[in-house]
Structures are given as C-alpha cells and as structure tokens.
Amino acid sequence: DSLTCGKYENVFCKDMSFYIEGRFDILQNSFKKSKHTFLIRHPAQALLSIYKECGVNYVFNPNEAGFKQQYEMYKFVKDKLDDPYPVVIDIGDVLMDPEGMMQVYCEAAGLKYKP
C-alpha cells in the first residue's frame, strides 16, 4: 500500500489524465497517501502546443487535449481521496516567476523549498 523509494524523500509522478481516464482507481489503490497536484495551462496555449507538435494537418480531438479528463481527475482526488484542496498551479505563472512560484508550490504541497 506504500510506495518505497529508497533514499528519496519525495517522488514526483506525472500522470496524463487522458491516459488513465476510467482508471482513476489506480490513484486510490497506489497513491492514496500522496499529495496530488495539478499543473494547468490556458487552453489556447495548450492547443497551440498540440498543433505545433502534430503539424498543420492535425485533426483536433477534444479527448486528446485532456481538459475534461483533467477536471474529472481533479474531482476524483477531491472527492475520493479526501483532499479538499488539491494544489493547482498555472504554468503561465511559473513561467513568469519560476522561483516565486516554486516556493508557493512547495509550500502548498508540503515540500521543503530548496533553491
């Protein structure tokens, strides 16, 4: 029921919500005691990145953008994992003030900030 990481005090795992859609029980079974955090991005910026990566012939699929799935994952963490205030950080804020936002993030996530 616990994640053993040897000498590491903190471990970061990245889940793309559209990849685990319908299987959020993975979070409940393996990561219930973890502090879940969410990085968000303005939809226009996120979609621009998708088009840059996939090319001009890309046909947009809303499920691949993951907005709905990320919200569902957020609700799952809030409601099922008993975390009424999951940490949400806008990546635009991080880009404007990396050090300041990392301090905010670490404090919100219960981590020691090390510049």
N, C-alpha and C. Protein backbone atom coordinates (compact mmCIF):
# COMPACT_ATOMS: atom_id res chain seq x y z
N ASP A 1 0.82 -1.20 0.00
CA ASP A 1 0.00 0.00 0.00
C ASP A 1 0.86 1.26 0.00
N SER A 2 2.15 1.10 0.16
CA SER A 2 3.01 2.28 0.15
C SER A 2 3.99 2.19 -1.01
N LEU A 3 4.51 3.33 -1.35
CA LEU A 3 5.47 3.43 -2.44
C LEU A 3 6.86 3.55 -1.81
N THR A 4 7.70 2.59 -2.05
CA THR A 4 9.04 2.59 -1.48
C THR A 4 10.00 3.19 -2.51
N CYS A 5 10.76 4.18 -2.06
CA CYS A 5 11.62 4.89 -2.99
C CYS A 5 13.05 4.98 -2.50
N GLY A 6 13.43 4.08 -1.64
CA GLY A 6 14.81 4.05 -1.18
C GLY A 6 15.22 5.31 -0.48
N LYS A 7 16.26 5.96 -0.98
CA LYS A 7 16.84 7.12 -0.31
C LYS A 7 16.10 8.42 -0.58
N TYR A 8 15.11 8.41 -1.44
CA TYR A 8 14.46 9.66 -1.84
C TYR A 8 13.33 10.03 -0.87
N GLU A 9 13.34 11.28 -0.47
CA GLU A 9 12.32 11.79 0.43
C GLU A 9 11.02 12.08 -0.31
N ASN A 10 11.14 12.57 -1.53
CA ASN A 10 9.97 12.92 -2.34
C ASN A 10 10.10 12.29 -3.72
N VAL A 11 8.99 11.87 -4.25
CA VAL A 11 8.95 11.29 -5.58
C VAL A 11 7.85 11.99 -6.36
N PHE A 12 8.17 12.39 -7.58
CA PHE A 12 7.18 13.03 -8.44
C PHE A 12 6.79 12.05 -9.54
N CYS A 13 5.49 11.89 -9.72
CA CYS A 13 4.95 11.04 -10.78
C CYS A 13 4.06 11.90 -11.65
N LYS A 14 4.20 11.77 -12.93
CA LYS A 14 3.37 12.55 -13.85
C LYS A 14 2.35 11.63 -14.50
N ASP A 15 1.09 11.96 -14.30
CA ASP A 15 0.01 11.24 -14.97
C ASP A 15 -0.66 12.19 -15.95
N MET A 16 -0.84 11.72 -17.15
CA MET A 16 -1.64 12.46 -18.13
C MET A 16 -3.05 11.95 -17.95
N SER A 17 -3.94 12.81 -17.54
CA SER A 17 -5.28 12.37 -17.14
C SER A 17 -6.02 11.63 -18.25
N PHE A 18 -5.75 11.96 -19.51
CA PHE A 18 -6.46 11.25 -20.57
C PHE A 18 -5.94 9.83 -20.74
N TYR A 19 -4.74 9.54 -20.24
CA TYR A 19 -4.22 8.17 -20.32
C TYR A 19 -4.81 7.27 -19.24
N ILE A 20 -5.16 7.84 -18.10
CA ILE A 20 -5.71 7.00 -17.04
C ILE A 20 -7.22 7.21 -16.86
N GLU A 21 -7.83 7.88 -17.82
CA GLU A 21 -9.29 8.09 -17.76
C GLU A 21 -9.99 6.74 -17.59
N GLY A 22 -10.93 6.72 -16.67
CA GLY A 22 -11.67 5.50 -16.41
C GLY A 22 -10.92 4.52 -15.51
N ARG A 23 -9.69 4.89 -15.14
CA ARG A 23 -8.89 4.02 -14.27
C ARG A 23 -8.32 4.82 -13.10
N PHE A 24 -9.06 5.81 -12.65
CA PHE A 24 -8.58 6.64 -11.55
C PHE A 24 -8.41 5.84 -10.27
N ASP A 25 -8.98 4.63 -10.24
CA ASP A 25 -8.79 3.78 -9.06
C ASP A 25 -7.31 3.47 -8.85
N ILE A 26 -6.51 3.61 -9.90
CA ILE A 26 -5.05 3.46 -9.76
C ILE A 26 -4.54 4.43 -8.69
N LEU A 27 -5.07 5.64 -8.72
CA LEU A 27 -4.66 6.65 -7.73
C LEU A 27 -5.09 6.24 -6.33
N GLN A 28 -6.28 5.69 -6.24
CA GLN A 28 -6.82 5.28 -4.95
C GLN A 28 -6.07 4.07 -4.39
N ASN A 29 -5.70 3.16 -5.26
CA ASN A 29 -5.03 1.95 -4.81
C ASN A 29 -3.55 2.15 -4.51
N SER A 30 -2.87 2.95 -5.30
CA SER A 30 -1.42 3.06 -5.17
C SER A 30 -0.93 4.40 -4.63
N PHE A 31 -1.72 5.44 -4.76
CA PHE A 31 -1.24 6.78 -4.41
C PHE A 31 -2.19 7.52 -3.48
N LYS A 32 -2.95 6.81 -2.66
CA LYS A 32 -3.93 7.44 -1.79
C LYS A 32 -3.29 8.42 -0.81
N LYS A 33 -2.11 8.09 -0.31
CA LYS A 33 -1.45 8.93 0.69
C LYS A 33 -0.58 10.01 0.06
N SER A 34 -0.56 10.08 -1.25
CA SER A 34 0.25 11.08 -1.95
C SER A 34 -0.45 12.43 -1.95
N LYS A 35 0.33 13.48 -2.13
CA LYS A 35 -0.23 14.81 -2.32
C LYS A 35 -0.32 15.03 -3.83
N HIS A 36 -1.53 15.12 -4.33
CA HIS A 36 -1.74 15.29 -5.76
C HIS A 36 -1.75 16.78 -6.11
N THR A 37 -1.05 17.10 -7.18
CA THR A 37 -1.00 18.49 -7.63
C THR A 37 -1.31 18.52 -9.12
N PHE A 38 -1.79 19.65 -9.57
CA PHE A 38 -2.21 19.79 -10.96
C PHE A 38 -1.56 21.02 -11.57
N LEU A 39 -0.90 20.81 -12.69
CA LEU A 39 -0.40 21.92 -13.49
C LEU A 39 -1.41 22.18 -14.59
N ILE A 40 -1.86 23.41 -14.68
CA ILE A 40 -2.82 23.76 -15.72
C ILE A 40 -2.20 24.78 -16.65
N ARG A 41 -2.82 24.91 -17.79
CA ARG A 41 -2.34 25.85 -18.80
C ARG A 41 -3.54 26.42 -19.52
N HIS A 42 -3.47 27.67 -19.91
CA HIS A 42 -4.57 28.28 -20.66
C HIS A 42 -4.85 27.41 -21.88
N PRO A 43 -6.12 27.09 -22.13
CA PRO A 43 -6.45 26.20 -23.25
C PRO A 43 -5.87 26.66 -24.60
N ALA A 44 -5.88 27.95 -24.87
CA ALA A 44 -5.35 28.42 -26.15
C ALA A 44 -3.86 28.08 -26.28
N GLN A 45 -3.11 28.23 -25.20
CA GLN A 45 -1.69 27.90 -25.23
C GLN A 45 -1.47 26.40 -25.36
N ALA A 46 -2.29 25.63 -24.66
CA ALA A 46 -2.17 24.16 -24.74
C ALA A 46 -2.47 23.67 -26.15
N LEU A 47 -3.52 24.19 -26.75
CA LEU A 47 -3.90 23.77 -28.10
C LEU A 47 -2.86 24.20 -29.13
N LEU A 48 -2.31 25.37 -28.95
CA LEU A 48 -1.24 25.83 -29.85
C LEU A 48 -0.06 24.86 -29.81
N SER A 49 0.29 24.39 -28.62
CA SER A 49 1.38 23.42 -28.49
C SER A 49 1.06 22.12 -29.20
N ILE A 50 -0.19 21.67 -29.07
CA ILE A 50 -0.60 20.43 -29.74
C ILE A 50 -0.43 20.59 -31.25
N TYR A 51 -0.90 21.70 -31.79
CA TYR A 51 -0.79 21.92 -33.24
C TYR A 51 0.66 22.06 -33.69
N LYS A 52 1.49 22.70 -32.88
CA LYS A 52 2.91 22.83 -33.22
C LYS A 52 3.57 21.45 -33.26
N GLU A 53 3.20 20.61 -32.31
CA GLU A 53 3.80 19.28 -32.21
C GLU A 53 3.30 18.35 -33.31
N CYS A 54 2.00 18.43 -33.62
CA CYS A 54 1.38 17.45 -34.54
C CYS A 54 1.35 17.91 -35.99
N GLY A 55 1.54 19.20 -36.23
CA GLY A 55 1.55 19.70 -37.61
C GLY A 55 0.21 20.27 -38.05
N VAL A 56 0.24 20.95 -39.16
CA VAL A 56 -0.94 21.67 -39.64
C VAL A 56 -2.07 20.75 -40.09
N ASN A 57 -1.78 19.51 -40.41
CA ASN A 57 -2.81 18.58 -40.86
C ASN A 57 -3.51 17.86 -39.70
N TYR A 58 -3.14 18.21 -38.48
CA TYR A 58 -3.71 17.57 -37.30
C TYR A 58 -5.21 17.86 -37.23
N VAL A 59 -6.00 16.84 -36.99
CA VAL A 59 -7.44 16.98 -36.79
C VAL A 59 -7.68 16.95 -35.29
N PHE A 60 -8.20 18.04 -34.77
CA PHE A 60 -8.38 18.18 -33.33
C PHE A 60 -9.34 17.13 -32.76
N ASN A 61 -8.90 16.48 -31.70
CA ASN A 61 -9.72 15.55 -30.96
C ASN A 61 -9.77 16.05 -29.52
N PRO A 62 -10.93 16.52 -29.05
CA PRO A 62 -11.03 17.09 -27.70
C PRO A 62 -10.54 16.14 -26.60
N ASN A 63 -10.71 14.84 -26.80
CA ASN A 63 -10.25 13.89 -25.78
C ASN A 63 -8.74 13.91 -25.63
N GLU A 64 -8.02 14.16 -26.72
CA GLU A 64 -6.56 14.21 -26.64
C GLU A 64 -6.06 15.46 -25.93
N ALA A 65 -6.86 16.51 -25.93
CA ALA A 65 -6.47 17.73 -25.22
C ALA A 65 -6.50 17.48 -23.71
N GLY A 66 -7.41 16.63 -23.25
CA GLY A 66 -7.43 16.20 -21.86
C GLY A 66 -8.06 17.15 -20.86
N PHE A 67 -8.70 18.22 -21.31
CA PHE A 67 -9.28 19.18 -20.37
C PHE A 67 -10.36 18.53 -19.50
N LYS A 68 -11.28 17.82 -20.13
CA LYS A 68 -12.37 17.17 -19.40
C LYS A 68 -11.80 16.12 -18.44
N GLN A 69 -10.86 15.33 -18.92
CA GLN A 69 -10.29 14.27 -18.11
C GLN A 69 -9.51 14.84 -16.92
N GLN A 70 -8.83 15.97 -17.13
CA GLN A 70 -8.08 16.56 -16.03
C GLN A 70 -9.05 17.06 -14.95
N TYR A 71 -10.17 17.63 -15.39
CA TYR A 71 -11.17 18.07 -14.41
C TYR A 71 -11.74 16.86 -13.66
N GLU A 72 -12.01 15.78 -14.37
CA GLU A 72 -12.53 14.57 -13.72
C GLU A 72 -11.51 14.01 -12.72
N MET A 73 -10.25 14.05 -13.08
CA MET A 73 -9.21 13.56 -12.18
C MET A 73 -9.12 14.46 -10.95
N TYR A 74 -9.22 15.77 -11.15
CA TYR A 74 -9.22 16.72 -10.04
C TYR A 74 -10.38 16.42 -9.09
N LYS A 75 -11.57 16.23 -9.65
CA LYS A 75 -12.75 15.91 -8.82
C LYS A 75 -12.55 14.58 -8.09
N PHE A 76 -11.96 13.61 -8.74
CA PHE A 76 -11.71 12.31 -8.11
C PHE A 76 -10.79 12.49 -6.90
N VAL A 77 -9.72 13.23 -7.08
CA VAL A 77 -8.77 13.47 -5.98
C VAL A 77 -9.49 14.18 -4.84
N LYS A 78 -10.28 15.19 -5.17
CA LYS A 78 -11.00 15.96 -4.15
C LYS A 78 -12.01 15.09 -3.41
N ASP A 79 -12.79 14.36 -4.15
CA ASP A 79 -13.93 13.64 -3.57
C ASP A 79 -13.58 12.26 -3.04
N LYS A 80 -12.76 11.52 -3.75
CA LYS A 80 -12.49 10.12 -3.39
C LYS A 80 -11.23 9.93 -2.56
N LEU A 81 -10.28 10.85 -2.70
CA LEU A 81 -9.03 10.71 -1.97
C LEU A 81 -8.97 11.65 -0.77
N ASP A 82 -10.10 12.26 -0.45
CA ASP A 82 -10.21 13.11 0.73
C ASP A 82 -9.18 14.22 0.78
N ASP A 83 -8.97 14.88 -0.35
CA ASP A 83 -8.08 16.03 -0.41
C ASP A 83 -8.91 17.22 -0.87
N PRO A 84 -9.51 17.95 0.08
CA PRO A 84 -10.43 19.02 -0.32
C PRO A 84 -9.77 20.18 -1.07
N TYR A 85 -8.44 20.29 -0.97
CA TYR A 85 -7.75 21.39 -1.63
C TYR A 85 -6.51 20.90 -2.39
N PRO A 86 -6.71 20.15 -3.49
CA PRO A 86 -5.53 19.76 -4.28
C PRO A 86 -4.82 21.01 -4.79
N VAL A 87 -3.52 20.93 -4.89
CA VAL A 87 -2.73 22.06 -5.36
C VAL A 87 -2.91 22.21 -6.87
N VAL A 88 -3.23 23.44 -7.29
CA VAL A 88 -3.38 23.75 -8.72
C VAL A 88 -2.47 24.93 -9.03
N ILE A 89 -1.57 24.72 -9.97
CA ILE A 89 -0.62 25.77 -10.37
C ILE A 89 -0.75 26.01 -11.86
N ASP A 90 -0.87 27.28 -12.22
CA ASP A 90 -0.93 27.66 -13.63
C ASP A 90 0.49 27.79 -14.16
N ILE A 91 0.80 27.04 -15.19
CA ILE A 91 2.16 27.03 -15.73
C ILE A 91 2.56 28.41 -16.26
N GLY A 92 1.59 29.20 -16.66
CA GLY A 92 1.88 30.58 -17.10
C GLY A 92 2.47 31.40 -15.96
N ASP A 93 1.97 31.19 -14.75
CA ASP A 93 2.52 31.88 -13.57
C ASP A 93 3.94 31.40 -13.29
N VAL A 94 4.17 30.11 -13.48
CA VAL A 94 5.51 29.56 -13.26
C VAL A 94 6.51 30.16 -14.24
N LEU A 95 6.09 30.30 -15.49
CA LEU A 95 6.98 30.88 -16.50
C LEU A 95 7.30 32.35 -16.21
N MET A 96 6.35 33.07 -15.62
CA MET A 96 6.56 34.50 -15.31
C MET A 96 7.43 34.69 -14.07
N ASP A 97 7.34 33.77 -13.10
CA ASP A 97 8.09 33.90 -11.85
C ASP A 97 8.48 32.51 -11.36
N PRO A 98 9.46 31.87 -12.01
CA PRO A 98 9.79 30.49 -11.67
C PRO A 98 10.14 30.28 -10.19
N GLU A 99 11.03 31.10 -9.67
CA GLU A 99 11.44 30.89 -8.28
C GLU A 99 10.30 31.16 -7.30
N GLY A 100 9.60 32.25 -7.51
CA GLY A 100 8.49 32.59 -6.62
C GLY A 100 7.40 31.54 -6.63
N MET A 101 7.06 31.06 -7.82
CA MET A 101 6.01 30.05 -7.92
C MET A 101 6.46 28.69 -7.40
N MET A 102 7.74 28.38 -7.53
CA MET A 102 8.23 27.13 -6.94
C MET A 102 8.15 27.18 -5.42
N GLN A 103 8.40 28.35 -4.85
CA GLN A 103 8.24 28.50 -3.40
C GLN A 103 6.78 28.30 -3.01
N VAL A 104 5.87 28.90 -3.76
CA VAL A 104 4.43 28.76 -3.50
C VAL A 104 4.02 27.30 -3.65
N TYR A 105 4.49 26.67 -4.73
CA TYR A 105 4.15 25.27 -4.98
C TYR A 105 4.63 24.38 -3.84
N CYS A 106 5.89 24.53 -3.47
CA CYS A 106 6.44 23.67 -2.41
C CYS A 106 5.69 23.85 -1.10
N GLU A 107 5.39 25.08 -0.76
CA GLU A 107 4.63 25.32 0.47
C GLU A 107 3.26 24.66 0.40
N ALA A 108 2.56 24.83 -0.71
CA ALA A 108 1.22 24.25 -0.87
C ALA A 108 1.25 22.73 -0.87
N ALA A 109 2.33 22.15 -1.40
CA ALA A 109 2.44 20.70 -1.49
C ALA A 109 3.08 20.07 -0.26
N GLY A 110 3.50 20.91 0.69
CA GLY A 110 4.12 20.39 1.90
C GLY A 110 5.56 19.94 1.70
N LEU A 111 6.23 20.59 0.76
CA LEU A 111 7.62 20.25 0.46
C LEU A 111 8.56 21.34 0.94
N LYS A 112 9.78 20.96 1.27
CA LYS A 112 10.79 21.94 1.63
C LYS A 112 11.34 22.55 0.35
N TYR A 113 11.33 23.87 0.29
CA TYR A 113 11.84 24.55 -0.91
C TYR A 113 13.36 24.64 -0.82
N LYS A 114 14.02 24.21 -1.88
CA LYS A 114 15.48 24.30 -1.98
C LYS A 114 15.82 24.98 -3.29
N PRO A 115 16.24 26.27 -3.23
CA PRO A 115 16.57 26.98 -4.49
C PRO A 115 17.75 26.38 -5.22
